[in-house]
């Protein structure tokens, strides 16, 4: 009775190992979408608060601000398209910098309004508007990259 169970388990392990080896050879990755984790072949995109972490096995590769950017990055790595993966990292770094600038301007605007310094608040609002438009531009560039990635 125990030998039958052992043989069953061994067959399952062999089958699992076969699929793990074959996944790496597929041109189209097996994508598994769960609430807090998206798997693209051997890569995992794990939701950690507002950050999306990209992992391969137990190796942390990069953190992204947007989920679709992280999934696109994992897909690029799976397909061996390192140039586009680098572009996504560059856009994410730019986006992170712009989000930090936006938060700083919002803080100083609220302080200026509290101190009733309206001219300074107007100047900061103009700068905030510029940063917001740059953030939208980065999002649109990433959207174009991702659309081209999924079509190819």
C-alpha atoms as a PDB file:
ATOM      1  CA  UNK A   1       0.000   0.000   0.000  1.00  0.00           C
ATOM      2  CA  UNK A   2       2.751   2.482   0.846  1.00  0.00           C
ATOM      3  CA  UNK A   3       4.723   1.517  -2.287  1.00  0.00           C
ATOM      4  CA  UNK A   4       1.723   2.447  -4.440  1.00  0.00           C
ATOM      5  CA  UNK A   5       1.511   5.859  -2.740  1.00  0.00           C
ATOM      6  CA  UNK A   6       5.277   6.340  -3.125  1.00  0.00           C
ATOM      7  CA  UNK A   7       5.110   5.425  -6.829  1.00  0.00           C
ATOM      8  CA  UNK A   8       2.188   7.817  -7.316  1.00  0.00           C
ATOM      9  CA  UNK A   9       4.126  10.648  -5.672  1.00  0.00           C
ATOM     10  CA  UNK A  10       7.208   9.860  -7.736  1.00  0.00           C
ATOM     11  CA  UNK A  11       5.184   9.986 -10.969  1.00  0.00           C
ATOM     12  CA  UNK A  12       3.738  13.335  -9.935  1.00  0.00           C
ATOM     13  CA  UNK A  13       7.217  14.717  -9.233  1.00  0.00           C
ATOM     14  CA  UNK A  14       8.467  13.494 -12.622  1.00  0.00           C
ATOM     15  CA  UNK A  15       5.524  15.119 -14.364  1.00  0.00           C
ATOM     16  CA  UNK A  16       6.022  18.378 -12.466  1.00  0.00           C
ATOM     17  CA  UNK A  17       9.743  18.448 -13.307  1.00  0.00           C
ATOM     18  CA  UNK A  18       8.930  17.830 -16.968  1.00  0.00           C
ATOM     19  CA  UNK A  19       6.586  20.826 -17.071  1.00  0.00           C
ATOM     20  CA  UNK A  20       9.026  23.067 -15.215  1.00  0.00           C
ATOM     21  CA  UNK A  21      11.737  22.247 -17.781  1.00  0.00           C
ATOM     22  CA  UNK A  22       9.382  22.648 -20.752  1.00  0.00           C
ATOM     23  CA  UNK A  23       8.001  26.034 -19.625  1.00  0.00           C
ATOM     24  CA  UNK A  24      11.381  27.614 -20.313  1.00  0.00           C
ATOM     25  CA  UNK A  25      11.302  26.298 -23.912  1.00  0.00           C
ATOM     26  CA  UNK A  26       7.889  27.742 -24.818  1.00  0.00           C
ATOM     27  CA  UNK A  27       7.768  30.842 -27.025  1.00  0.00           C
ATOM     28  CA  UNK A  28       4.529  31.971 -25.411  1.00  0.00           C
ATOM     29  CA  UNK A  29       4.800  31.978 -21.618  1.00  0.00           C
ATOM     30  CA  UNK A  30       2.309  30.372 -19.313  1.00  0.00           C
ATOM     31  CA  UNK A  31       0.764  33.324 -17.492  1.00  0.00           C
ATOM     32  CA  UNK A  32      -0.975  32.667 -14.184  1.00  0.00           C
ATOM     33  CA  UNK A  33      -2.891  35.629 -12.769  1.00  0.00           C
ATOM     34  CA  UNK A  34      -3.786  35.454  -9.079  1.00  0.00           C
ATOM     35  CA  UNK A  35      -4.873  38.371  -6.844  1.00  0.00           C
ATOM     36  CA  UNK A  36      -1.414  39.116  -5.386  1.00  0.00           C
ATOM     37  CA  UNK A  37       0.863  37.340  -7.856  1.00  0.00           C
ATOM     38  CA  UNK A  38       1.228  37.146 -11.627  1.00  0.00           C
ATOM     39  CA  UNK A  39       3.500  34.427 -12.993  1.00  0.00           C
ATOM     40  CA  UNK A  40       5.144  34.794 -16.401  1.00  0.00           C
ATOM     41  CA  UNK A  41       7.071  31.596 -17.006  1.00  0.00           C
ATOM     42  CA  UNK A  42       9.682  31.446 -14.213  1.00  0.00           C
ATOM     43  CA  UNK A  43       9.135  35.111 -13.224  1.00  0.00           C
ATOM     44  CA  UNK A  44       6.746  36.279 -10.500  1.00  0.00           C
ATOM     45  CA  UNK A  45       5.236  39.730 -10.027  1.00  0.00           C
ATOM     46  CA  UNK A  46       4.218  39.982  -6.376  1.00  0.00           C
ATOM     47  CA  UNK A  47       2.053  42.779  -4.979  1.00  0.00           C
ATOM     48  CA  UNK A  48       3.599  44.321  -1.873  1.00  0.00           C
ATOM     49  CA  UNK A  49       1.421  47.264  -0.874  1.00  0.00           C
ATOM     50  CA  UNK A  50       1.725  49.854  -3.648  1.00  0.00           C
ATOM     51  CA  UNK A  51       4.897  48.266  -5.034  1.00  0.00           C
ATOM     52  CA  UNK A  52       5.085  45.399  -7.529  1.00  0.00           C
ATOM     53  CA  UNK A  53       8.151  43.226  -7.035  1.00  0.00           C
ATOM     54  CA  UNK A  54       9.592  41.104  -9.848  1.00  0.00           C
ATOM     55  CA  UNK A  55      11.242  37.857  -8.744  1.00  0.00           C
ATOM     56  CA  UNK A  56      12.888  34.896 -10.433  1.00  0.00           C
ATOM     57  CA  UNK A  57      13.101  31.949  -8.060  1.00  0.00           C
ATOM     58  CA  UNK A  58      14.389  33.520  -4.846  1.00  0.00           C
ATOM     59  CA  UNK A  59      16.139  36.405  -6.578  1.00  0.00           C
ATOM     60  CA  UNK A  60      14.578  39.862  -6.380  1.00  0.00           C
ATOM     61  CA  UNK A  61      15.040  41.668  -9.712  1.00  0.00           C
ATOM     62  CA  UNK A  62      13.265  45.036  -9.509  1.00  0.00           C
ATOM     63  CA  UNK A  63      10.355  46.989  -7.951  1.00  0.00           C
ATOM     64  CA  UNK A  64       7.807  48.817 -10.101  1.00  0.00           C
ATOM     65  CA  UNK A  65       5.147  51.438  -9.345  1.00  0.00           C
ATOM     66  CA  UNK A  66       2.640  49.979 -11.816  1.00  0.00           C
ATOM     67  CA  UNK A  67       1.537  46.359 -12.114  1.00  0.00           C
ATOM     68  CA  UNK A  68       1.366  46.269 -15.912  1.00  0.00           C
ATOM     69  CA  UNK A  69       4.918  47.671 -16.117  1.00  0.00           C
ATOM     70  CA  UNK A  70       6.159  44.862 -13.844  1.00  0.00           C
ATOM     71  CA  UNK A  71       4.336  42.208 -15.877  1.00  0.00           C
ATOM     72  CA  UNK A  72       5.715  43.725 -19.093  1.00  0.00           C
ATOM     73  CA  UNK A  73       9.217  43.639 -17.603  1.00  0.00           C
ATOM     74  CA  UNK A  74       8.810  39.967 -16.665  1.00  0.00           C
ATOM     75  CA  UNK A  75       7.529  39.208 -20.171  1.00  0.00           C
ATOM     76  CA  UNK A  76      10.526  41.035 -21.698  1.00  0.00           C
ATOM     77  CA  UNK A  77      12.927  39.003 -19.576  1.00  0.00           C
ATOM     78  CA  UNK A  78      11.116  35.801 -20.523  1.00  0.00           C
ATOM     79  CA  UNK A  79      11.405  36.668 -24.217  1.00  0.00           C
ATOM     80  CA  UNK A  80      15.032  37.798 -23.832  1.00  0.00           C
ATOM     81  CA  UNK A  81      14.201  41.366 -24.857  1.00  0.00           C
ATOM     82  CA  UNK A  82      16.583  43.144 -22.481  1.00  0.00           C
ATOM     83  CA  UNK A  83      16.535  46.447 -24.389  1.00  0.00           C
ATOM     84  CA  UNK A  84      12.797  46.948 -23.805  1.00  0.00           C
ATOM     85  CA  UNK A  85      13.152  45.693 -20.211  1.00  0.00           C
ATOM     86  CA  UNK A  86      15.750  48.432 -19.679  1.00  0.00           C
ATOM     87  CA  UNK A  87      13.388  51.025 -21.160  1.00  0.00           C
ATOM     88  CA  UNK A  88      10.673  49.987 -18.689  1.00  0.00           C
ATOM     89  CA  UNK A  89      13.139  50.314 -15.798  1.00  0.00           C
ATOM     90  CA  UNK A  90      14.156  53.771 -17.043  1.00  0.00           C
ATOM     91  CA  UNK A  91      10.530  54.897 -17.284  1.00  0.00           C
ATOM     92  CA  UNK A  92       9.808  53.555 -13.807  1.00  0.00           C
ATOM     93  CA  UNK A  93      12.780  55.432 -12.343  1.00  0.00           C
ATOM     94  CA  UNK A  94      11.651  58.624 -14.065  1.00  0.00           C
ATOM     95  CA  UNK A  95       8.080  58.068 -12.843  1.00  0.00           C
ATOM     96  CA  UNK A  96       9.298  57.481  -9.255  1.00  0.00           C
ATOM     97  CA  UNK A  97      11.265  60.740  -9.345  1.00  0.00           C
ATOM     98  CA  UNK A  98       8.225  62.614 -10.676  1.00  0.00           C
ATOM     99  CA  UNK A  99       5.929  61.153  -7.987  1.00  0.00           C
ATOM    100  CA  UNK A 100       8.381  62.306  -5.308  1.00  0.00           C
ATOM    101  CA  UNK A 101       8.527  65.801  -6.859  1.00  0.00           C
ATOM    102  CA  UNK A 102       4.736  65.924  -7.005  1.00  0.00           C
ATOM    103  CA  UNK A 103       4.462  65.014  -3.319  1.00  0.00           C
ATOM    104  CA  UNK A 104       6.994  67.713  -2.385  1.00  0.00           C
ATOM    105  CA  UNK A 105       5.134  70.382  -4.380  1.00  0.00           C
ATOM    106  CA  UNK A 106       1.795  69.370  -2.836  1.00  0.00           C
ATOM    107  CA  UNK A 107       3.311  69.655   0.635  1.00  0.00           C
ATOM    108  CA  UNK A 108       4.753  73.111  -0.047  1.00  0.00           C
ATOM    109  CA  UNK A 109       1.515  74.297  -1.667  1.00  0.00           C
ATOM    110  CA  UNK A 110      -0.479  73.356   1.433  1.00  0.00           C
ATOM    111  CA  UNK A 111       2.099  75.086   3.652  1.00  0.00           C
ATOM    112  CA  UNK A 112       1.978  78.229   1.482  1.00  0.00           C
ATOM    113  CA  UNK A 113      -1.814  78.332   1.605  1.00  0.00           C
ATOM    114  CA  UNK A 114      -1.751  77.847   5.375  1.00  0.00           C
ATOM    115  CA  UNK A 115       0.636  80.819   5.628  1.00  0.00           C
ATOM    116  CA  UNK A 116      -1.560  82.745   3.159  1.00  0.00           C
ATOM    117  CA  UNK A 117       1.308  83.166   0.708  1.00  0.00           C
ATOM    118  CA  UNK A 118      -0.837  82.858  -2.437  1.00  0.00           C
ATOM    119  CA  UNK A 119       1.778  83.999  -4.945  1.00  0.00           C
ATOM    120  CA  UNK A 120       4.182  81.248  -3.834  1.00  0.00           C
ATOM    121  CA  UNK A 121       1.331  78.713  -3.943  1.00  0.00           C
ATOM    122  CA  UNK A 122       0.523  79.734  -7.550  1.00  0.00           C
ATOM    123  CA  UNK A 123       4.158  79.291  -8.610  1.00  0.00           C
ATOM    124  CA  UNK A 124       4.281  75.862  -6.984  1.00  0.00           C
ATOM    125  CA  UNK A 125       0.972  74.890  -8.615  1.00  0.00           C
ATOM    126  CA  UNK A 126       2.484  75.717 -12.034  1.00  0.00           C
ATOM    127  CA  UNK A 127       5.446  73.486 -11.225  1.00  0.00           C
ATOM    128  CA  UNK A 128       3.094  70.759 -10.015  1.00  0.00           C
ATOM    129  CA  UNK A 129       1.167  71.013 -13.276  1.00  0.00           C
ATOM    130  CA  UNK A 130       4.416  70.521 -15.235  1.00  0.00           C
ATOM    131  CA  UNK A 131       5.307  67.455 -13.162  1.00  0.00           C
ATOM    132  CA  UNK A 132       1.816  66.007 -13.597  1.00  0.00           C
ATOM    133  CA  UNK A 133       2.051  66.382 -17.378  1.00  0.00           C
ATOM    134  CA  UNK A 134       5.479  64.688 -17.359  1.00  0.00           C
ATOM    135  CA  UNK A 135       3.989  61.806 -15.338  1.00  0.00           C
ATOM    136  CA  UNK A 136       1.212  61.414 -17.913  1.00  0.00           C
ATOM    137  CA  UNK A 137       3.844  61.470 -20.677  1.00  0.00           C
ATOM    138  CA  UNK A 138       5.834  58.690 -18.981  1.00  0.00           C
ATOM    139  CA  UNK A 139       2.659  56.626 -18.569  1.00  0.00           C
ATOM    140  CA  UNK A 140       1.802  57.067 -22.262  1.00  0.00           C
ATOM    141  CA  UNK A 141       5.332  56.072 -23.368  1.00  0.00           C
ATOM    142  CA  UNK A 142       5.127  52.952 -21.197  1.00  0.00           C
ATOM    143  CA  UNK A 143       1.677  52.181 -22.622  1.00  0.00           C
ATOM    144  CA  UNK A 144       3.072  52.325 -26.177  1.00  0.00           C
ATOM    145  CA  UNK A 145       5.967  50.047 -25.214  1.00  0.00           C
ATOM    146  CA  UNK A 146       3.618  47.562 -23.577  1.00  0.00           C
ATOM    147  CA  UNK A 147       1.216  47.516 -26.531  1.00  0.00           C
ATOM    148  CA  UNK A 148       4.101  46.819 -28.910  1.00  0.00           C
ATOM    149  CA  UNK A 149       5.388  44.143 -26.557  1.00  0.00           C
ATOM    150  CA  UNK A 150       2.095  42.255 -26.448  1.00  0.00           C
ATOM    151  CA  UNK A 151       1.567  42.485 -30.216  1.00  0.00           C
ATOM    152  CA  UNK A 152       5.049  41.214 -31.111  1.00  0.00           C
END
